[in-house]
Structure formats: C-alpha cells, structure tokens
Amino acid sequence: MTEMTPPQFPDRDERSLSHKTRLDLGWEALTEQLAARCHTGRGAALGRALAPLGTIDEARQRQLTVSEARALQDSGEPLSFGGISDIHPSLQRSEKGGVLLPAELVEIASTLHAGARLRRHLASRIGRAPRLAAHAERIAELPEVAGPISDAFDEHGALRDSASPALGGLRQRVNQLLGELTRRTDSLLNEAHIAPHLQDRFVTQREERYVVPVRADARTRIRGIVHGTSASGATVFVEPEEIIELNNKLKLAQLEVAEEERRILADLSQRVEHAAPRITTNLAELAYLDLLDAAALLSTALRANPVALRPEVDGAAARIDLRNARHPLLTLAGTEVVPSDIVLPLGGTLIISGPNAGGKTVALKLTGLCALLARAGLHLPVQEGSAMPWFTRILTDVGDDQSLERNLSTFSAHVLNLRHFLARSGPDSLILLDEIAVGTDPEQGAALAQALLEAMAQAKSTVLITTHYDRLKALGASSAPFANASVGYDL
C-alpha cells in the first residue's frame, strides 16, 4: 500500500491575510462608495486605496476632521473642488523641460485658482474647521504662475494679443498681409491673362500658399509655381508670380507669430517647472481634502457618527460597544436594515447563534467593517456614544475558501485559516469566524471549535463566531470570557 503524503500547509503572510479580511468583509465595495463621492480623480484613487492608519491618534484626528467637513456641508458651506484637473502628467512634462500646450497651461492655472479659493474658504472658517484649515494652509496660491497664465489666455483657451508686448503687433502684420493678399488675388481672377484659363473663379490654399485653380490643359499659360493637382487631374493649382512675394512675406510673418507664441508658452511652462514641487504638494493636499469631504458625504449617507477609540491598554474597561449599528453596504443599497447592538469586552468571545438567513453573518461582517472604518479614521454607521477598541489585526474566515490549486477541501482550508489565526492571536487581534469548524463530523467539529476558542481566549483575542453547535452555546452560557448572542426573524 502506498503511504499517503500529508498535505503541506504553507504559511500565509500578513498581507495575504489582510487581503482576505478585506475580501471577506466587502471592504472594496465600501471604499468604492467612498471614491464615488470624491470630486477629483486623485481623491477617488485615495478613496479606493484607503488603508488602516498607523496610530490611534491619527485615527482620532481624522474622525474629528471628517466631522468638520460634515458640519460645513450641513451648514451649506461645503468644500468646493470645481476647476481642479489631473495636471500631474503636465507637471511631469514641465519638469523635463517640455513646452506645455495651451490647454495644459489653462488647466494648471484653473487648478491653482481652485486651490486658492479653497484655501481662502477654509481660512475664513478656521474657528469651526481648524483641522481642515491647517491642511488648506499647505496649499500655495502661486499667483506668479496662475496670474500670468490666466492673463495670457482668453476664455476659449487661445493666446491673447496682449500675452506679450510683441505678439499683438506681429499678428496685426499677418492680418495686414492677409488683407493685401486677398485683394491682390481677387483682382487677379479678373485679369485677361489669367481669367480665361481658370477652372473655377476662387482662390484656395495649397502647402499654406495662396493659389488659383487652373485647367490642366492651360497650366503653361500662367506663369507661377505649381503646388499640386486635383484628384481627377483636371485642375492644377498655380501660385501666380504676381503674388509669390506677398506669399513669402505672409509666410515669414506667420512664422514670426508662431515663434513668439512658442516663446510665450515656453516662458509660462518654465514658470510651472520652477513651481512644480509646490504644485505637487497642492495636488496632494487637494486630493486629501477631497477624500475628507467624500468621507463626510459617506457619513451623512450612512447616518454615521465618530466613535470613541480605546486602545488595548484600557484593559477591562475597553470593549466593542456598537449601538444601533447598521451594515453600511446594506444601508447604501437602500435595504431596510434592522439595527443591532453589539457589545463585547476586549478579549471576550461572542458566540452568535440563530436560524439560517437570520442575520448572524451580517452581524459578523458589520463588526469587522466597523473595526476597519475605525482603523481608517472614518465615522461608523452607529449611534452616538458607541466605542471600538483599536485592533491592529483583523482576521476573518467567512465563506467557502476551497482551493483546487493547493488540493485543499473547504474544511481543510478552513482549518488552515484557523491555524494561522491561532498563531496570530493576541490582545490586539479581532477574529471573526463564520460557522466555525463545520464540514466535518459534528462532535469532532464542536470539540475542535471549543479547543480553538479556548486557546484564542487564553491569548486574549477578541472573537466573534457564528455557530449551530450546542456545545459552544453551552460554553457561552457557563464560562467566562464567553458570551452568547442570538438573532432571529421578525415575522
């Protein structure tokens, strides 16, 4: 008989476990809702990439800042992000010495003006929004960049004649030559040595030179330069010798205008280049303010509130205390959500039981999402007075994690997750387990589940599980730090 090789259980790093947590809880769907409320592309990118903050103080400060943004929205004085464009590619080109296009320069000036308006808006409300105003103070107004650009272009994005001392005069010279050339060519159409040989009585352009359409059979009857033929070959476009010098003068004048326009664009681009680091800082601050504003809009949509964030050093006083909590994704989907009160001391284990489709998994995911929102410094969809400990590690095992590639059954993958979670148990860990130790013999599964929960409790992890096992319900009824909770149908 061939001896069977035991399955290999490769270790999973923190990044993969964190990814699984976000996937299990639907974190990306929630951050997409945040991104959808941003006004700028860079703000939306920050929303989609929203990650836990490093310290509890950072999270508390962000909660307070989001509260300021929401208060301004509620009072009809929201932050304005109109006129802001994604000018980062243009900045990169300018830093390499590139000459920017008129549209790029106009977008840069518009973004700078928008930043200046937002800065002044918050500066005038520093008493009510000091944290937002502190961010806005980092926005440089840069009038030496925005002013000359705005002065140089009209409302259609074209360079004004006044963009430089020379440009207006050069353009006027071009217009004079155009007028003279038009009058001269119009008179040529009626002259006896040209009129009989024309295919049509009009003047056109070929190779940026003014020409007249001559019949192919009469092309040698008019002295001048041939600049091409029609598609049929029946017409030859000739520049009569009488206007060659005028065409030359016009071409030279147009080249002088183009060179002056290029010089103006280069000068304005150089201004942008010199200010690029400060403009980059502006973009970062504007994107972050956009994220905060979107977080406030999301808070309003969720009827959310800031919560007390309590670190694990508070010991027995610290606890999960979510009052009238509502699952954020269900709320945003327009579902009528039945609020839940979820209370659990830090280091405790809550055993949730009840019928299928009765809301056990929703309660589990709600708690996990609230923990992630707290780590990100956002408001939670709960009643005022709620609290959430500061969990540095949130571990979830929700749903079918079967892996055909690693030849793991659903139960084996489940046990593998539990093994990883047990190795990472500790006072700073929140562990969420949906239908713990199912998929095997009920007696063995219940015994395994009890052993795991007792080990996690000994490590002082905070644990929420859903189960149908009576053995675990009995554990919750008789042993600290275990507690029971149940869900049911409101018929």
Protein backbone atom coordinates (compact mmCIF):
# COMPACT_ATOMS: atom_id res chain seq x y z
CA MET A 1 0.00 0.00 0.00
CA THR A 2 1.36 3.41 -0.93
CA GLU A 3 1.79 5.73 2.03
CA MET A 4 -0.19 8.98 1.59
CA THR A 5 1.73 12.22 1.79
CA PRO A 6 0.23 14.61 4.36
CA PRO A 7 -0.97 17.93 2.96
CA GLN A 8 1.50 20.80 3.10
CA PHE A 9 0.25 23.94 4.82
CA PRO A 10 2.30 26.87 3.58
CA ASP A 11 2.40 29.90 5.84
CA ARG A 12 0.36 32.95 4.88
CA ASP A 13 1.89 36.35 5.40
CA GLU A 14 0.17 39.34 6.94
CA ARG A 15 -0.50 40.90 3.53
CA SER A 16 -2.43 37.89 2.22
CA LEU A 17 -4.42 37.62 5.47
CA SER A 18 -5.23 41.33 5.30
CA HIS A 19 -6.37 40.89 1.70
CA LYS A 20 -8.61 38.01 2.75
CA THR A 21 -10.14 40.15 5.50
CA ARG A 22 -10.97 42.95 3.05
CA LEU A 23 -12.39 40.43 0.60
CA ASP A 24 -14.48 38.62 3.22
CA LEU A 25 -15.95 41.84 4.59
CA GLY A 26 -16.57 43.60 1.26
CA TRP A 27 -14.16 46.45 2.09
CA GLU A 28 -13.50 47.24 -1.58
CA ALA A 29 -17.23 47.76 -2.18
CA LEU A 30 -17.29 50.27 0.67
CA THR A 31 -14.19 52.14 -0.49
CA GLU A 32 -15.71 52.28 -3.98
CA GLN A 33 -18.68 54.07 -2.40
CA LEU A 34 -16.21 56.49 -0.83
CA ALA A 35 -14.41 57.01 -4.16
CA ALA A 36 -17.73 57.67 -5.92
CA ARG A 37 -18.29 60.65 -3.62
CA CYS A 38 -14.94 62.26 -4.48
CA HIS A 39 -14.83 65.18 -6.91
CA THR A 40 -11.35 64.57 -8.35
CA GLY A 41 -9.61 61.58 -9.88
CA ARG A 42 -6.74 61.73 -7.38
CA GLY A 43 -9.18 61.93 -4.48
CA ALA A 44 -11.05 58.89 -5.79
CA ALA A 45 -7.76 57.00 -6.07
CA LEU A 46 -7.07 57.77 -2.40
CA GLY A 47 -10.55 56.52 -1.54
CA ARG A 48 -10.10 53.21 -3.34
CA ALA A 49 -6.71 52.70 -1.72
CA LEU A 50 -7.87 53.64 1.78
CA ALA A 51 -5.80 51.71 4.31
CA PRO A 52 -5.66 51.49 8.11
CA LEU A 53 -3.87 54.33 9.86
CA GLY A 54 -0.78 53.62 11.87
CA THR A 55 -1.78 55.05 15.25
CA ILE A 56 -4.89 55.63 17.27
CA ASP A 57 -4.11 59.37 17.47
CA GLU A 58 -4.08 59.61 13.68
CA ALA A 59 -7.48 57.91 13.53
CA ARG A 60 -8.94 60.20 16.19
CA GLN A 61 -7.68 63.28 14.35
CA ARG A 62 -9.14 62.07 11.05
CA GLN A 63 -12.50 61.39 12.67
CA LEU A 64 -12.54 64.96 14.00
CA THR A 65 -11.53 66.36 10.60
CA VAL A 66 -14.30 64.41 8.85
CA SER A 67 -16.70 65.83 11.44
CA GLU A 68 -15.57 69.35 10.48
CA ALA A 69 -16.22 68.65 6.79
CA ARG A 70 -19.66 67.25 7.57
CA ALA A 71 -20.53 70.28 9.73
CA LEU A 72 -19.63 72.60 6.82
CA GLN A 73 -21.80 70.52 4.48
CA ASP A 74 -24.69 70.60 6.93
CA SER A 75 -24.44 74.39 7.20
CA GLY A 76 -24.47 74.85 3.41
CA GLU A 77 -20.78 75.79 3.21
CA PRO A 78 -19.20 72.68 1.69
CA LEU A 79 -15.71 72.50 0.25
CA SER A 80 -15.64 73.34 -3.45
CA PHE A 81 -13.49 71.40 -5.89
CA GLY A 82 -14.67 72.96 -9.15
CA GLY A 83 -11.91 73.76 -11.63
CA ILE A 84 -9.46 71.10 -10.39
CA SER A 85 -7.96 68.85 -13.10
CA ASP A 86 -5.49 65.99 -13.09
CA ILE A 87 -2.48 68.06 -14.10
CA HIS A 88 0.16 65.61 -12.85
CA PRO A 89 1.17 64.45 -16.37
CA SER A 90 1.62 68.08 -17.43
CA LEU A 91 3.76 68.75 -14.36
CA GLN A 92 5.97 65.80 -15.20
CA ARG A 93 6.46 67.11 -18.75
CA SER A 94 7.32 70.59 -17.48
CA GLU A 95 9.89 69.15 -15.06
CA LYS A 96 11.61 67.56 -18.04
CA GLY A 97 11.79 70.94 -19.78
CA GLY A 98 8.84 70.31 -22.10
CA VAL A 99 6.79 73.16 -23.55
CA LEU A 100 3.18 72.71 -22.43
CA LEU A 101 0.17 73.07 -24.69
CA PRO A 102 -2.26 75.96 -24.13
CA ALA A 103 -4.93 73.58 -22.78
CA GLU A 104 -2.45 72.15 -20.26
CA LEU A 105 -1.42 75.59 -19.04
CA VAL A 106 -5.04 76.68 -18.70
CA GLU A 107 -5.83 73.56 -16.63
CA ILE A 108 -2.85 74.28 -14.37
CA ALA A 109 -3.98 77.88 -13.80
CA SER A 110 -7.56 76.72 -13.17
CA THR A 111 -6.36 74.16 -10.62
CA LEU A 112 -4.20 76.74 -8.86
CA HIS A 113 -7.09 79.20 -8.70
CA ALA A 114 -9.37 76.46 -7.34
CA GLY A 115 -6.82 75.60 -4.66
CA ALA A 116 -6.51 79.27 -3.69
CA ARG A 117 -10.30 79.59 -3.40
CA LEU A 118 -10.49 76.50 -1.20
CA ARG A 119 -7.64 77.79 0.95
CA ARG A 120 -9.41 81.12 1.49
CA HIS A 121 -12.76 79.36 2.09
CA LEU A 122 -11.29 77.36 4.96
CA ALA A 123 -9.11 80.17 6.29
CA SER A 124 -12.26 82.23 6.84
CA ARG A 125 -13.78 79.33 8.81
CA ILE A 126 -10.75 78.41 10.88
CA GLY A 127 -12.73 78.68 14.10
CA ARG A 128 -15.18 75.97 13.01
CA ALA A 129 -12.81 73.84 10.95
CA PRO A 130 -9.28 74.28 12.35
CA ARG A 131 -8.01 70.90 11.14
CA LEU A 132 -9.28 71.40 7.60
CA ALA A 133 -7.84 74.91 7.61
CA ALA A 134 -4.47 73.52 8.69
CA HIS A 135 -4.43 71.27 5.63
CA ALA A 136 -5.50 74.14 3.39
CA GLU A 137 -2.68 76.34 4.71
CA ARG A 138 -0.26 73.99 2.94
CA ILE A 139 -1.80 74.93 -0.42
CA ALA A 140 0.39 77.53 -2.14
CA GLU A 141 -1.61 80.10 -4.13
CA LEU A 142 1.31 80.78 -6.55
CA PRO A 143 -0.02 83.98 -8.18
CA GLU A 144 3.30 84.30 -10.04
CA VAL A 145 2.29 81.19 -12.00
CA ALA A 146 -1.51 81.29 -12.18
CA GLY A 147 -1.71 85.04 -12.84
CA PRO A 148 0.45 85.23 -16.00
CA ILE A 149 -1.20 82.13 -17.44
CA SER A 150 -4.71 83.50 -16.86
CA ASP A 151 -3.69 86.87 -18.31
CA ALA A 152 -2.19 85.21 -21.39
CA PHE A 153 -5.26 83.19 -22.46
CA ASP A 154 -8.82 84.17 -23.32
CA GLU A 155 -11.98 82.29 -22.29
CA HIS A 156 -11.57 79.92 -25.26
CA GLY A 157 -8.02 78.95 -24.30
CA ALA A 158 -6.34 80.95 -27.07
CA LEU A 159 -3.38 83.29 -26.50
CA ARG A 160 -4.47 86.91 -26.26
CA ASP A 161 -2.77 89.57 -28.37
CA SER A 162 -1.60 91.08 -25.07
CA ALA A 163 0.17 87.85 -23.99
CA SER A 164 3.46 89.61 -24.81
CA PRO A 165 4.49 93.10 -25.95
CA ALA A 166 5.36 91.77 -29.42
CA LEU A 167 2.54 89.31 -30.15
CA GLY A 168 -0.18 91.84 -30.92
CA GLY A 169 1.97 93.71 -33.45
CA LEU A 170 3.09 90.52 -35.17
CA ARG A 171 -0.48 89.30 -35.52
CA GLN A 172 -1.54 92.68 -36.86
CA ARG A 173 1.19 92.43 -39.53
CA VAL A 174 -0.14 88.99 -40.54
CA ASN A 175 -3.68 90.38 -40.84
CA GLN A 176 -2.45 93.27 -42.96
CA LEU A 177 -0.64 90.93 -45.34
CA LEU A 178 -3.69 88.66 -45.50
CA GLY A 179 -5.85 91.60 -46.47
CA GLU A 180 -3.40 92.73 -49.10
CA LEU A 181 -3.05 89.20 -50.48
CA THR A 182 -6.83 88.76 -50.63
CA ARG A 183 -7.28 91.98 -52.56
CA ARG A 184 -4.47 91.12 -54.98
CA THR A 185 -5.71 87.58 -55.70
CA ASP A 186 -9.29 88.80 -56.15
CA SER A 187 -8.08 91.23 -58.78
CA LEU A 188 -6.03 88.51 -60.50
CA LEU A 189 -9.18 86.45 -61.10
CA ASN A 190 -10.42 89.20 -63.41
CA GLU A 191 -7.22 89.86 -65.31
CA ALA A 192 -7.19 88.91 -69.01
CA HIS A 193 -4.06 86.73 -68.92
CA ILE A 194 -5.49 84.56 -66.07
CA ALA A 195 -9.32 84.58 -66.15
CA PRO A 196 -9.77 82.51 -69.39
CA HIS A 197 -7.64 79.67 -68.05
CA LEU A 198 -9.29 79.21 -64.66
CA GLN A 199 -11.25 76.05 -63.79
CA ASP A 200 -13.24 77.99 -61.14
CA ARG A 201 -13.32 81.60 -60.02
CA PHE A 202 -11.99 81.25 -56.45
CA VAL A 203 -8.76 81.41 -54.50
CA THR A 204 -7.65 78.48 -52.33
CA GLN A 205 -4.56 77.28 -50.45
CA ARG A 206 -2.04 74.55 -51.09
CA GLU A 207 1.01 73.98 -48.90
CA GLU A 208 -0.07 77.09 -46.94
CA ARG A 209 0.32 79.23 -50.08
CA TYR A 210 -2.47 81.10 -51.87
CA VAL A 211 -3.14 79.63 -55.33
CA VAL A 212 -5.72 79.71 -58.14
CA PRO A 213 -7.32 76.65 -59.86
CA VAL A 214 -6.17 76.42 -63.49
CA ARG A 215 -7.39 73.97 -66.18
CA ALA A 216 -4.83 71.22 -66.70
CA ASP A 217 -4.63 71.95 -70.44
CA ALA A 218 -3.77 75.62 -69.69
CA ARG A 219 -1.23 75.12 -66.92
CA THR A 220 1.60 76.58 -69.04
CA ARG A 221 -0.39 79.70 -69.89
CA ILE A 222 0.01 81.19 -66.37
CA ARG A 223 3.48 82.00 -65.06
CA GLY A 224 3.96 80.80 -61.48
CA ILE A 225 4.65 77.83 -59.23
CA VAL A 226 2.56 74.64 -59.41
CA HIS A 227 1.52 73.33 -55.98
CA GLY A 228 -0.37 70.18 -56.97
CA THR A 229 -3.37 68.88 -58.89
CA SER A 230 -6.90 67.83 -58.09
CA ALA A 231 -7.80 64.18 -57.56
CA SER A 232 -9.17 63.93 -61.08
CA GLY A 233 -6.14 65.64 -62.58
CA ALA A 234 -8.36 68.15 -64.37
CA THR A 235 -7.21 71.07 -62.21
CA VAL A 236 -3.73 72.38 -61.48
CA PHE A 237 -3.20 74.72 -58.52
CA VAL A 238 -0.86 77.53 -59.52
CA GLU A 239 0.66 80.31 -57.44
CA PRO A 240 0.83 83.23 -59.91
CA GLU A 241 4.18 85.03 -59.97
CA GLU A 242 2.39 88.27 -59.11
CA ILE A 243 1.70 87.06 -55.54
CA ILE A 244 4.83 84.98 -54.82
CA GLU A 245 6.50 87.80 -52.91
CA LEU A 246 3.34 88.53 -50.92
CA ASN A 247 3.00 84.83 -50.05
CA ASN A 248 6.63 84.85 -48.92
CA LYS A 249 6.08 87.87 -46.69
CA LEU A 250 2.93 86.31 -45.21
CA LYS A 251 4.73 83.04 -44.53
CA LEU A 252 7.58 84.84 -42.77
CA ALA A 253 5.13 86.90 -40.72
CA GLN A 254 3.23 83.76 -39.71
CA LEU A 255 6.48 82.10 -38.69
CA GLU A 256 7.31 85.10 -36.50
CA VAL A 257 3.90 84.82 -34.82
CA ALA A 258 4.34 81.07 -34.27
CA GLU A 259 7.81 81.63 -32.82
CA GLU A 260 6.53 84.32 -30.45
CA GLU A 261 3.66 82.10 -29.36
CA ARG A 262 6.09 79.25 -28.75
CA ARG A 263 8.31 81.59 -26.74
CA ILE A 264 5.35 82.65 -24.60
CA LEU A 265 4.35 79.02 -23.99
CA ALA A 266 7.94 78.15 -23.11
CA ASP A 267 8.12 81.05 -20.63
CA LEU A 268 4.85 80.01 -18.97
CA SER A 269 5.96 76.37 -18.94
CA GLN A 270 9.19 77.41 -17.23
CA ARG A 271 7.18 79.14 -14.52
CA VAL A 272 5.31 75.89 -14.00
CA GLU A 273 8.57 73.94 -13.93
CA HIS A 274 10.05 76.15 -11.21
CA ALA A 275 6.88 75.80 -9.10
CA ALA A 276 6.32 72.08 -9.82
CA PRO A 277 7.27 70.82 -6.33
CA ARG A 278 4.84 73.23 -4.67
CA ILE A 279 2.11 72.43 -7.20
CA THR A 280 2.66 68.73 -6.49
CA THR A 281 2.15 69.47 -2.79
CA ASN A 282 -1.04 71.35 -3.69
CA LEU A 283 -2.36 68.35 -5.59
CA ALA A 284 -1.67 66.05 -2.66
CA GLU A 285 -3.47 68.36 -0.22
CA LEU A 286 -6.41 68.89 -2.59
CA ALA A 287 -6.76 65.14 -3.07
CA TYR A 288 -6.71 64.56 0.69
CA LEU A 289 -9.26 67.32 1.32
CA ASP A 290 -11.40 65.71 -1.39
CA LEU A 291 -11.12 62.39 0.44
CA LEU A 292 -12.18 64.00 3.73
CA ASP A 293 -15.12 65.70 2.03
CA ALA A 294 -16.18 62.38 0.48
CA ALA A 295 -15.87 60.72 3.90
CA ALA A 296 -18.23 63.35 5.27
CA LEU A 297 -20.71 62.72 2.45
CA LEU A 298 -20.49 58.99 3.17
CA SER A 299 -21.05 59.68 6.86
CA THR A 300 -24.23 61.56 6.02
CA ALA A 301 -25.46 58.79 3.71
CA LEU A 302 -24.86 56.21 6.46
CA ARG A 303 -26.21 58.41 9.28
CA ALA A 304 -22.84 57.64 10.83
CA ASN A 305 -21.03 59.08 13.83
CA PRO A 306 -17.50 59.26 15.21
CA VAL A 307 -16.82 56.73 17.95
CA ALA A 308 -14.58 56.54 20.96
CA LEU A 309 -11.39 54.70 20.04
CA ARG A 310 -9.97 52.87 23.01
CA PRO A 311 -6.56 51.17 22.92
CA GLU A 312 -5.99 47.80 24.47
CA VAL A 313 -4.16 49.31 27.44
CA ASP A 314 -7.54 50.31 28.88
CA GLY A 315 -7.84 46.66 29.92
CA ALA A 316 -11.23 45.52 31.12
CA ALA A 317 -12.79 48.92 30.53
CA ALA A 318 -12.27 48.69 26.79
CA ARG A 319 -14.96 46.96 24.75
CA ILE A 320 -16.76 46.81 21.46
CA ASP A 321 -19.88 48.88 22.04
CA LEU A 322 -21.80 49.37 18.80
CA ARG A 323 -25.23 50.85 19.41
CA ASN A 324 -27.93 50.70 16.76
CA ALA A 325 -25.30 49.55 14.28
CA ARG A 326 -26.30 49.08 10.64
CA HIS A 327 -24.37 47.22 7.93
CA PRO A 328 -23.02 50.05 5.72
CA LEU A 329 -23.32 48.26 2.38
CA LEU A 330 -26.90 47.17 3.06
CA THR A 331 -27.74 50.71 4.15
CA LEU A 332 -26.23 52.23 1.00
CA ALA A 333 -28.10 49.67 -1.14
CA GLY A 334 -31.39 51.05 0.21
CA THR A 335 -32.20 47.93 2.21
CA GLU A 336 -34.31 48.44 5.32
CA VAL A 337 -31.75 47.45 7.94
CA VAL A 338 -32.68 46.27 11.43
CA PRO A 339 -30.12 47.88 13.76
CA SER A 340 -28.06 45.71 16.08
CA ASP A 341 -26.42 46.36 19.43
CA ILE A 342 -23.10 44.55 19.60
CA VAL A 343 -21.35 44.67 22.96
CA LEU A 344 -18.27 42.63 23.81
CA PRO A 345 -15.44 43.30 26.28
CA LEU A 346 -11.92 43.40 24.88
CA GLY A 347 -10.58 39.85 24.99
CA GLY A 348 -14.07 38.33 25.12
CA THR A 349 -15.67 35.81 22.78
CA LEU A 350 -19.21 36.33 21.46
CA ILE A 351 -20.95 33.18 20.22
CA ILE A 352 -23.77 34.11 17.82
CA SER A 353 -26.44 31.56 17.02
CA GLY A 354 -29.81 31.56 15.30
CA PRO A 355 -31.59 30.36 12.14
CA ASN A 356 -30.04 30.41 8.69
CA ALA A 357 -30.51 33.76 6.93
CA GLY A 358 -31.35 35.27 10.31
CA GLY A 359 -28.52 37.80 10.30
CA LYS A 360 -25.60 36.05 12.01
CA THR A 361 -23.12 36.65 9.20
CA VAL A 362 -24.37 40.22 8.76
CA ALA A 363 -23.61 40.92 12.42
CA LEU A 364 -20.16 39.39 11.98
CA LYS A 365 -19.33 41.43 8.88
CA LEU A 366 -20.82 44.58 10.39
CA THR A 367 -18.44 44.30 13.35
CA GLY A 368 -15.47 43.72 11.06
CA LEU A 369 -16.32 46.66 8.80
CA CYS A 370 -16.75 48.91 11.83
CA ALA A 371 -13.33 47.83 13.07
CA LEU A 372 -11.81 48.65 9.65
CA LEU A 373 -13.63 52.00 9.50
CA ALA A 374 -12.30 52.83 12.95
CA ARG A 375 -8.75 51.94 11.87
CA ALA A 376 -9.17 54.20 8.82
CA GLY A 377 -10.40 57.10 10.97
CA LEU A 378 -13.87 57.28 9.40
CA HIS A 379 -17.29 57.56 11.01
CA LEU A 380 -19.18 54.36 11.82
CA PRO A 381 -22.86 53.64 11.00
CA VAL A 382 -23.77 53.60 14.68
CA GLN A 383 -25.47 55.74 17.28
CA GLU A 384 -23.53 58.42 19.20
CA GLY A 385 -21.80 57.08 22.27
CA SER A 386 -20.53 53.93 20.59
CA ALA A 387 -16.96 52.72 21.04
CA MET A 388 -14.49 50.46 19.25
CA PRO A 389 -11.14 49.18 20.56
CA TRP A 390 -8.03 49.71 18.45
CA PHE A 391 -7.38 46.38 16.72
CA THR A 392 -4.10 46.23 14.85
CA ARG A 393 -5.00 42.86 13.34
CA ILE A 394 -8.43 41.86 11.99
CA LEU A 395 -8.70 38.23 10.86
CA THR A 396 -11.74 36.72 9.13
CA ASP A 397 -12.85 33.33 7.96
CA VAL A 398 -16.14 33.88 6.17
CA GLY A 399 -17.40 31.79 3.26
CA ASP A 400 -16.00 28.95 1.18
CA ASP A 401 -12.21 29.11 0.86
CA GLN A 402 -11.74 25.91 -1.10
CA SER A 403 -8.52 25.83 -3.13
CA LEU A 404 -8.22 23.42 -6.03
CA GLU A 405 -4.71 24.65 -6.79
CA ARG A 406 -3.45 23.58 -3.36
CA ASN A 407 -5.69 20.48 -3.29
CA LEU A 408 -7.46 21.71 -0.16
CA SER A 409 -11.09 20.93 0.61
CA THR A 410 -13.32 23.61 2.12
CA PHE A 411 -12.79 22.13 5.59
CA SER A 412 -9.01 21.83 5.13
CA ALA A 413 -8.78 25.45 4.00
CA HIS A 414 -10.93 26.44 6.98
CA VAL A 415 -8.64 24.60 9.39
CA LEU A 416 -5.59 26.15 7.74
CA ASN A 417 -7.05 29.62 8.31
CA LEU A 418 -7.74 28.77 11.96
CA ARG A 419 -4.14 27.60 12.34
CA HIS A 420 -2.85 30.92 11.02
CA PHE A 421 -5.28 32.87 13.22
CA LEU A 422 -4.24 30.94 16.32
CA ALA A 423 -0.60 31.77 15.64
CA ARG A 424 -1.50 35.47 15.46
CA SER A 425 -3.86 35.61 18.43
CA GLY A 426 -3.26 38.35 20.93
CA PRO A 427 -4.84 41.29 22.78
CA ASP A 428 -4.72 43.45 19.62
CA SER A 429 -6.48 40.86 17.41
CA LEU A 430 -10.13 40.79 16.36
CA ILE A 431 -11.05 37.38 14.94
CA LEU A 432 -14.31 36.79 13.06
CA LEU A 433 -15.28 33.19 12.30
CA ASP A 434 -18.40 32.25 10.34
CA GLU A 435 -19.70 28.73 11.12
CA ILE A 436 -16.57 27.62 12.93
CA ALA A 437 -15.30 24.07 12.30
CA VAL A 438 -18.16 22.90 10.04
CA GLY A 439 -17.80 20.45 7.16
CA THR A 440 -16.76 17.53 9.32
CA ASP A 441 -18.27 15.22 11.97
CA PRO A 442 -20.39 17.47 14.26
CA GLU A 443 -18.97 16.05 17.50
CA GLN A 444 -15.41 16.38 16.30
CA GLY A 445 -16.10 19.79 14.81
CA ALA A 446 -17.61 21.08 18.05
CA ALA A 447 -14.69 19.75 20.08
CA LEU A 448 -12.18 21.33 17.68
CA ALA A 449 -14.07 24.62 17.77
CA GLN A 450 -14.12 24.65 21.58
CA ALA A 451 -10.39 23.96 21.79
CA LEU A 452 -9.62 26.74 19.34
CA LEU A 453 -11.85 29.27 21.10
CA GLU A 454 -10.33 28.46 24.46
CA ALA A 455 -6.82 28.90 23.01
CA MET A 456 -7.77 32.24 21.43
CA ALA A 457 -9.37 33.36 24.69
CA GLN A 458 -6.21 32.43 26.58
CA ALA A 459 -4.28 34.65 24.13
CA LYS A 460 -6.79 37.43 24.98
CA SER A 461 -8.03 37.81 21.38
CA THR A 462 -11.46 39.36 20.85
CA VAL A 463 -13.53 36.82 18.92
CA LEU A 464 -16.95 36.76 17.28
CA ILE A 465 -18.18 33.48 15.85
CA THR A 466 -21.39 32.13 14.36
CA THR A 467 -22.35 28.55 15.09
CA HIS A 468 -25.09 25.94 15.31
CA TYR A 469 -23.12 23.79 17.78
CA ASP A 470 -24.97 23.32 21.10
CA ARG A 471 -21.65 22.59 22.78
CA LEU A 472 -20.43 26.09 22.02
CA LYS A 473 -23.72 27.66 23.11
CA ALA A 474 -23.31 25.88 26.43
CA LEU A 475 -19.77 27.23 26.66
CA GLY A 476 -21.11 30.74 26.22
CA ALA A 477 -23.69 30.20 28.95
CA SER A 478 -21.28 28.90 31.57
CA SER A 479 -17.73 30.10 31.08
CA ALA A 480 -16.08 33.50 31.09
CA PRO A 481 -14.94 35.21 28.86
CA PHE A 482 -17.53 33.58 26.56
CA ALA A 483 -20.96 35.09 25.95
CA ASN A 484 -23.95 34.12 23.86
CA ALA A 485 -25.97 36.22 21.43
CA SER A 486 -28.76 35.21 19.10
CA VAL A 487 -30.52 36.52 16.04
CA GLY A 488 -33.95 35.65 14.72
CA TYR A 489 -36.70 36.55 12.31
CA ASP A 490 -39.01 39.49 12.86
CA LEU A 491 -42.00 37.77 11.32
